[in-house]
Amino acid sequence: MVDFTYTTEQPLPVDIAPVTDSVVPTTATAYHKGDLLIIAAGTNVATHSNTSTGAQADWHVICLADVTAEQATEKLAMGVEMPVYVAGKFDVAGVKLNGVALNATQKLAARAYANRSTKITLSVVK
């Protein structure tokens, strides 16, 4: 059986009580805390935001914990979903695209998208 123990880095939420939910992982896909994820309508399956566009304007939720590709496959086989943030205030410095921190342009685009299209606020925390 796969170990579902999660490791984390610096705190991502700025809110005292961000809102969480769970989504279906994609088999053999690694997720990192802070990853911007797209949730498929009708299936609740999580995939990574499109890193090739550079716009970061296609995401719906933020990954709550690190999940290895092996863990994602095991979770799927067991019918276990993975946790995500769906609302709240977060430090934009902790947001990622497939495990890679956003650059300055990506941060602006992600923040603009969040302000227009989600219940998530991406803040600059100093």
N, C-alpha and C. Protein backbone atom coordinates (compact mmCIF):
# COMPACT_ATOMS: atom_id res chain seq x y z
N MET A 1 0.84 -1.18 0.00
CA MET A 1 0.00 0.00 0.00
C MET A 1 0.89 1.24 0.00
N VAL A 2 0.47 2.28 -0.71
CA VAL A 2 1.21 3.51 -0.83
C VAL A 2 1.01 4.37 0.43
N ASP A 3 2.09 5.02 0.88
CA ASP A 3 2.02 5.92 2.02
C ASP A 3 1.41 7.24 1.58
N PHE A 4 0.33 7.66 2.25
CA PHE A 4 -0.33 8.92 1.91
C PHE A 4 0.09 10.04 2.84
N THR A 5 1.29 9.98 3.39
CA THR A 5 1.81 11.04 4.23
C THR A 5 2.27 12.18 3.32
N TYR A 6 1.87 13.40 3.65
CA TYR A 6 2.19 14.54 2.82
C TYR A 6 3.31 15.36 3.45
N THR A 7 4.13 15.95 2.60
CA THR A 7 5.13 16.88 3.08
C THR A 7 4.77 18.25 2.56
N THR A 8 5.09 19.28 3.32
CA THR A 8 4.77 20.64 2.92
C THR A 8 5.95 21.56 3.17
N GLU A 9 5.90 22.73 2.54
CA GLU A 9 6.93 23.73 2.73
C GLU A 9 6.34 24.86 3.57
N GLN A 10 6.60 26.10 3.16
CA GLN A 10 6.06 27.26 3.84
C GLN A 10 4.53 27.24 3.72
N PRO A 11 3.85 27.85 4.69
CA PRO A 11 2.40 27.93 4.62
C PRO A 11 1.95 28.69 3.38
N LEU A 12 0.97 28.17 2.67
CA LEU A 12 0.43 28.82 1.49
C LEU A 12 -0.76 29.72 1.85
N PRO A 13 -1.69 29.25 2.70
CA PRO A 13 -2.84 30.10 3.02
C PRO A 13 -2.44 31.30 3.88
N VAL A 14 -3.10 32.40 3.61
CA VAL A 14 -2.95 33.59 4.42
C VAL A 14 -4.16 33.69 5.35
N ASP A 15 -5.30 33.19 4.90
CA ASP A 15 -6.52 33.14 5.71
C ASP A 15 -6.36 32.21 6.90
N ILE A 16 -7.13 32.45 7.92
CA ILE A 16 -7.15 31.56 9.07
C ILE A 16 -7.83 30.25 8.70
N ALA A 17 -8.88 30.31 7.91
CA ALA A 17 -9.64 29.10 7.56
C ALA A 17 -10.01 29.08 6.08
N PRO A 18 -9.06 28.72 5.20
CA PRO A 18 -9.40 28.62 3.78
C PRO A 18 -10.38 27.46 3.56
N VAL A 19 -11.12 27.53 2.47
CA VAL A 19 -12.11 26.50 2.15
C VAL A 19 -11.45 25.41 1.31
N THR A 20 -11.67 24.17 1.70
CA THR A 20 -11.10 23.04 0.97
C THR A 20 -12.19 22.14 0.43
N ASP A 21 -11.82 21.30 -0.49
CA ASP A 21 -12.69 20.27 -1.05
C ASP A 21 -11.76 19.17 -1.55
N SER A 22 -12.29 18.23 -2.28
CA SER A 22 -11.43 17.17 -2.83
C SER A 22 -11.77 16.94 -4.29
N VAL A 23 -10.77 16.47 -5.04
CA VAL A 23 -10.91 16.21 -6.47
C VAL A 23 -10.29 14.87 -6.81
N VAL A 24 -10.64 14.37 -7.96
CA VAL A 24 -10.12 13.09 -8.44
C VAL A 24 -8.77 13.34 -9.11
N PRO A 25 -7.72 12.64 -8.68
CA PRO A 25 -6.42 12.81 -9.33
C PRO A 25 -6.38 12.11 -10.68
N THR A 26 -5.47 12.54 -11.52
CA THR A 26 -5.21 11.86 -12.78
C THR A 26 -4.15 10.80 -12.52
N THR A 27 -4.35 9.60 -13.05
CA THR A 27 -3.41 8.51 -12.81
C THR A 27 -2.00 8.89 -13.26
N ALA A 28 -1.01 8.43 -12.51
CA ALA A 28 0.42 8.62 -12.82
C ALA A 28 0.81 10.09 -12.98
N THR A 29 0.14 10.97 -12.24
CA THR A 29 0.44 12.39 -12.32
C THR A 29 0.85 12.91 -10.94
N ALA A 30 1.98 13.57 -10.86
CA ALA A 30 2.44 14.16 -9.61
C ALA A 30 1.84 15.56 -9.45
N TYR A 31 1.48 15.88 -8.22
CA TYR A 31 0.94 17.20 -7.89
C TYR A 31 1.79 17.77 -6.77
N HIS A 32 1.93 19.10 -6.75
CA HIS A 32 2.73 19.77 -5.74
C HIS A 32 1.88 20.78 -5.01
N LYS A 33 2.13 20.94 -3.71
CA LYS A 33 1.40 21.94 -2.94
C LYS A 33 1.57 23.29 -3.63
N GLY A 34 0.45 23.96 -3.88
CA GLY A 34 0.49 25.26 -4.53
C GLY A 34 0.24 25.21 -6.03
N ASP A 35 0.21 24.02 -6.63
CA ASP A 35 -0.05 23.92 -8.07
C ASP A 35 -1.44 24.45 -8.42
N LEU A 36 -1.51 25.21 -9.51
CA LEU A 36 -2.79 25.65 -10.05
C LEU A 36 -3.36 24.49 -10.86
N LEU A 37 -4.59 24.11 -10.55
CA LEU A 37 -5.19 22.94 -11.19
C LEU A 37 -6.50 23.29 -11.89
N ILE A 38 -6.76 22.59 -12.97
CA ILE A 38 -8.02 22.68 -13.71
C ILE A 38 -8.87 21.49 -13.29
N ILE A 39 -10.15 21.73 -13.04
CA ILE A 39 -11.06 20.65 -12.67
C ILE A 39 -12.05 20.44 -13.82
N ALA A 40 -12.09 19.23 -14.34
CA ALA A 40 -12.97 18.92 -15.47
C ALA A 40 -14.43 18.90 -15.02
N ALA A 41 -15.25 19.60 -15.76
CA ALA A 41 -16.69 19.63 -15.47
C ALA A 41 -17.27 18.24 -15.70
N GLY A 42 -18.09 17.79 -14.79
CA GLY A 42 -18.76 16.50 -14.94
C GLY A 42 -18.00 15.31 -14.38
N THR A 43 -16.65 15.44 -14.23
CA THR A 43 -15.88 14.31 -13.72
C THR A 43 -15.09 14.64 -12.45
N ASN A 44 -14.87 15.93 -12.17
CA ASN A 44 -14.13 16.38 -11.00
C ASN A 44 -12.66 15.91 -11.03
N VAL A 45 -12.13 15.66 -12.23
CA VAL A 45 -10.75 15.20 -12.38
C VAL A 45 -9.82 16.41 -12.50
N ALA A 46 -8.72 16.36 -11.73
CA ALA A 46 -7.75 17.45 -11.71
C ALA A 46 -6.62 17.23 -12.70
N THR A 47 -6.31 18.26 -13.47
CA THR A 47 -5.14 18.28 -14.33
C THR A 47 -4.41 19.59 -14.06
N HIS A 48 -3.17 19.69 -14.52
CA HIS A 48 -2.38 20.90 -14.29
C HIS A 48 -2.81 22.02 -15.22
N SER A 49 -2.66 23.25 -14.71
CA SER A 49 -2.91 24.43 -15.54
C SER A 49 -1.97 24.39 -16.74
N ASN A 50 -2.38 24.96 -17.84
CA ASN A 50 -1.62 24.94 -19.07
C ASN A 50 -0.38 25.82 -18.95
N THR A 51 0.77 25.22 -18.83
CA THR A 51 2.02 25.97 -18.68
C THR A 51 2.53 26.54 -20.00
N SER A 52 2.06 26.02 -21.12
CA SER A 52 2.57 26.48 -22.41
C SER A 52 2.02 27.85 -22.81
N THR A 53 0.84 28.22 -22.33
CA THR A 53 0.25 29.51 -22.72
C THR A 53 0.88 30.67 -21.99
N GLY A 54 1.37 30.44 -20.77
CA GLY A 54 1.94 31.53 -19.99
C GLY A 54 0.91 32.45 -19.37
N ALA A 55 -0.36 32.26 -19.70
CA ALA A 55 -1.41 33.16 -19.21
C ALA A 55 -1.89 32.78 -17.81
N GLN A 56 -1.81 31.51 -17.46
CA GLN A 56 -2.30 31.01 -16.18
C GLN A 56 -3.73 31.46 -15.93
N ALA A 57 -4.53 31.44 -16.97
CA ALA A 57 -5.91 31.89 -16.89
C ALA A 57 -6.88 30.76 -17.18
N ASP A 58 -6.54 29.56 -16.71
CA ASP A 58 -7.42 28.43 -16.96
C ASP A 58 -7.62 27.57 -15.73
N TRP A 59 -7.20 28.01 -14.57
CA TRP A 59 -7.22 27.18 -13.37
C TRP A 59 -8.47 27.42 -12.53
N HIS A 60 -8.76 26.47 -11.65
CA HIS A 60 -9.95 26.56 -10.80
C HIS A 60 -9.64 26.47 -9.31
N VAL A 61 -8.62 25.67 -8.95
CA VAL A 61 -8.30 25.41 -7.54
C VAL A 61 -6.78 25.38 -7.36
N ILE A 62 -6.37 25.32 -6.07
CA ILE A 62 -4.95 25.21 -5.74
C ILE A 62 -4.74 23.90 -4.99
N CYS A 63 -3.73 23.15 -5.39
CA CYS A 63 -3.42 21.88 -4.74
C CYS A 63 -3.01 22.12 -3.28
N LEU A 64 -3.56 21.33 -2.37
CA LEU A 64 -3.32 21.51 -0.94
C LEU A 64 -2.07 20.79 -0.44
N ALA A 65 -1.67 19.71 -1.09
CA ALA A 65 -0.55 18.91 -0.58
C ALA A 65 0.20 18.25 -1.73
N ASP A 66 1.44 17.87 -1.46
CA ASP A 66 2.22 17.12 -2.44
C ASP A 66 1.62 15.72 -2.58
N VAL A 67 1.47 15.27 -3.83
CA VAL A 67 1.00 13.92 -4.12
C VAL A 67 1.90 13.38 -5.23
N THR A 68 2.57 12.27 -4.97
CA THR A 68 3.44 11.69 -6.00
C THR A 68 2.59 11.02 -7.08
N ALA A 69 3.21 10.73 -8.21
CA ALA A 69 2.50 10.04 -9.28
C ALA A 69 2.01 8.67 -8.81
N GLU A 70 2.83 8.00 -8.00
CA GLU A 70 2.44 6.69 -7.46
C GLU A 70 1.23 6.83 -6.52
N GLN A 71 1.25 7.85 -5.67
CA GLN A 71 0.13 8.09 -4.76
C GLN A 71 -1.15 8.42 -5.54
N ALA A 72 -1.03 9.22 -6.61
CA ALA A 72 -2.20 9.57 -7.42
C ALA A 72 -2.82 8.32 -8.03
N THR A 73 -1.99 7.44 -8.56
CA THR A 73 -2.49 6.20 -9.15
C THR A 73 -3.16 5.33 -8.10
N GLU A 74 -2.54 5.22 -6.93
CA GLU A 74 -3.11 4.43 -5.84
C GLU A 74 -4.42 5.02 -5.34
N LYS A 75 -4.46 6.34 -5.20
CA LYS A 75 -5.70 7.02 -4.77
C LYS A 75 -6.83 6.72 -5.75
N LEU A 76 -6.53 6.83 -7.02
CA LEU A 76 -7.54 6.58 -8.05
C LEU A 76 -8.05 5.15 -7.96
N ALA A 77 -7.16 4.20 -7.80
CA ALA A 77 -7.54 2.78 -7.69
C ALA A 77 -8.41 2.52 -6.46
N MET A 78 -8.15 3.27 -5.38
CA MET A 78 -8.89 3.08 -4.14
C MET A 78 -10.14 3.96 -4.05
N GLY A 79 -10.35 4.81 -5.04
CA GLY A 79 -11.49 5.72 -5.00
C GLY A 79 -11.33 6.85 -4.00
N VAL A 80 -10.07 7.20 -3.70
CA VAL A 80 -9.78 8.27 -2.74
C VAL A 80 -9.43 9.54 -3.52
N GLU A 81 -10.03 10.64 -3.13
CA GLU A 81 -9.74 11.91 -3.79
C GLU A 81 -8.62 12.65 -3.06
N MET A 82 -8.08 13.68 -3.69
CA MET A 82 -7.00 14.46 -3.08
C MET A 82 -7.52 15.85 -2.70
N PRO A 83 -6.94 16.46 -1.66
CA PRO A 83 -7.44 17.73 -1.17
C PRO A 83 -6.96 18.93 -1.99
N VAL A 84 -7.84 19.92 -2.13
CA VAL A 84 -7.52 21.16 -2.82
C VAL A 84 -8.14 22.34 -2.08
N TYR A 85 -7.59 23.52 -2.31
CA TYR A 85 -8.19 24.75 -1.82
C TYR A 85 -9.14 25.28 -2.89
N VAL A 86 -10.35 25.67 -2.49
CA VAL A 86 -11.33 26.20 -3.44
C VAL A 86 -11.67 27.67 -3.17
N ALA A 87 -11.33 28.17 -1.99
CA ALA A 87 -11.59 29.56 -1.65
C ALA A 87 -10.68 29.98 -0.51
N GLY A 88 -10.40 31.28 -0.47
CA GLY A 88 -9.57 31.83 0.59
C GLY A 88 -8.52 32.74 0.03
N LYS A 89 -7.66 33.22 0.91
CA LYS A 89 -6.59 34.14 0.54
C LYS A 89 -5.26 33.42 0.67
N PHE A 90 -4.43 33.51 -0.38
CA PHE A 90 -3.19 32.77 -0.45
C PHE A 90 -2.04 33.67 -0.88
N ASP A 91 -0.83 33.29 -0.47
CA ASP A 91 0.38 34.00 -0.85
C ASP A 91 0.74 33.60 -2.28
N VAL A 92 0.74 34.55 -3.20
CA VAL A 92 1.04 34.26 -4.60
C VAL A 92 2.45 33.69 -4.77
N ALA A 93 3.34 33.99 -3.83
CA ALA A 93 4.71 33.46 -3.92
C ALA A 93 4.74 31.93 -3.76
N GLY A 94 3.69 31.34 -3.18
CA GLY A 94 3.64 29.90 -2.99
C GLY A 94 2.92 29.16 -4.09
N VAL A 95 2.39 29.89 -5.06
CA VAL A 95 1.64 29.27 -6.16
C VAL A 95 2.61 28.76 -7.22
N LYS A 96 2.26 27.62 -7.81
CA LYS A 96 3.17 26.96 -8.76
C LYS A 96 2.44 26.47 -10.00
N LEU A 97 3.22 26.16 -11.01
CA LEU A 97 2.75 25.47 -12.20
C LEU A 97 3.53 24.18 -12.29
N ASN A 98 2.89 23.08 -11.98
CA ASN A 98 3.52 21.77 -12.02
C ASN A 98 4.82 21.75 -11.22
N GLY A 99 4.77 22.33 -10.01
CA GLY A 99 5.91 22.30 -9.11
C GLY A 99 6.90 23.43 -9.27
N VAL A 100 6.72 24.30 -10.26
CA VAL A 100 7.64 25.40 -10.52
C VAL A 100 6.99 26.72 -10.12
N ALA A 101 7.69 27.51 -9.30
CA ALA A 101 7.16 28.81 -8.87
C ALA A 101 6.88 29.71 -10.07
N LEU A 102 5.88 30.55 -9.94
CA LEU A 102 5.52 31.48 -11.02
C LEU A 102 6.54 32.60 -11.12
N ASN A 103 6.78 33.06 -12.35
CA ASN A 103 7.61 34.25 -12.53
C ASN A 103 6.72 35.48 -12.34
N ALA A 104 7.28 36.67 -12.40
CA ALA A 104 6.53 37.90 -12.12
C ALA A 104 5.33 38.07 -13.06
N THR A 105 5.50 37.81 -14.35
CA THR A 105 4.41 37.95 -15.31
C THR A 105 3.31 36.93 -15.04
N GLN A 106 3.70 35.70 -14.74
CA GLN A 106 2.72 34.65 -14.43
C GLN A 106 1.95 34.97 -13.16
N LYS A 107 2.63 35.54 -12.16
CA LYS A 107 1.95 35.92 -10.92
C LYS A 107 0.86 36.95 -11.19
N LEU A 108 1.17 37.95 -12.01
CA LEU A 108 0.18 38.97 -12.34
C LEU A 108 -1.02 38.35 -13.07
N ALA A 109 -0.73 37.47 -14.02
CA ALA A 109 -1.81 36.84 -14.78
C ALA A 109 -2.67 35.95 -13.89
N ALA A 110 -2.03 35.19 -13.01
CA ALA A 110 -2.78 34.32 -12.10
C ALA A 110 -3.62 35.13 -11.13
N ARG A 111 -3.07 36.24 -10.64
CA ARG A 111 -3.82 37.09 -9.71
C ARG A 111 -5.01 37.74 -10.42
N ALA A 112 -4.80 38.20 -11.64
CA ALA A 112 -5.89 38.82 -12.40
C ALA A 112 -7.01 37.81 -12.65
N TYR A 113 -6.62 36.59 -13.01
CA TYR A 113 -7.63 35.55 -13.24
C TYR A 113 -8.38 35.23 -11.95
N ALA A 114 -7.66 35.12 -10.85
CA ALA A 114 -8.30 34.82 -9.56
C ALA A 114 -9.31 35.90 -9.20
N ASN A 115 -8.95 37.15 -9.40
CA ASN A 115 -9.84 38.26 -9.07
C ASN A 115 -11.11 38.26 -9.89
N ARG A 116 -11.03 37.80 -11.12
CA ARG A 116 -12.19 37.80 -12.01
C ARG A 116 -13.01 36.53 -11.96
N SER A 117 -12.38 35.39 -11.68
CA SER A 117 -13.03 34.12 -11.97
C SER A 117 -13.08 33.09 -10.85
N THR A 118 -12.53 33.35 -9.68
CA THR A 118 -12.52 32.34 -8.62
C THR A 118 -12.90 32.97 -7.28
N LYS A 119 -13.03 32.13 -6.27
CA LYS A 119 -13.25 32.58 -4.90
C LYS A 119 -11.92 32.59 -4.14
N ILE A 120 -10.85 32.58 -4.90
CA ILE A 120 -9.50 32.56 -4.35
C ILE A 120 -8.87 33.93 -4.59
N THR A 121 -8.19 34.44 -3.57
CA THR A 121 -7.43 35.68 -3.68
C THR A 121 -5.95 35.32 -3.58
N LEU A 122 -5.17 35.78 -4.56
CA LEU A 122 -3.72 35.58 -4.54
C LEU A 122 -3.09 36.91 -4.17
N SER A 123 -2.52 36.98 -2.99
CA SER A 123 -1.98 38.24 -2.46
C SER A 123 -0.47 38.27 -2.48
N VAL A 124 0.05 39.48 -2.57
CA VAL A 124 1.48 39.69 -2.40
C VAL A 124 1.71 39.88 -0.91
N VAL A 125 2.41 38.95 -0.28
CA VAL A 125 2.66 38.99 1.15
C VAL A 125 4.12 39.33 1.37
N LYS A 126 4.36 40.33 2.16
CA LYS A 126 5.75 40.75 2.42
C LYS A 126 6.12 40.50 3.84
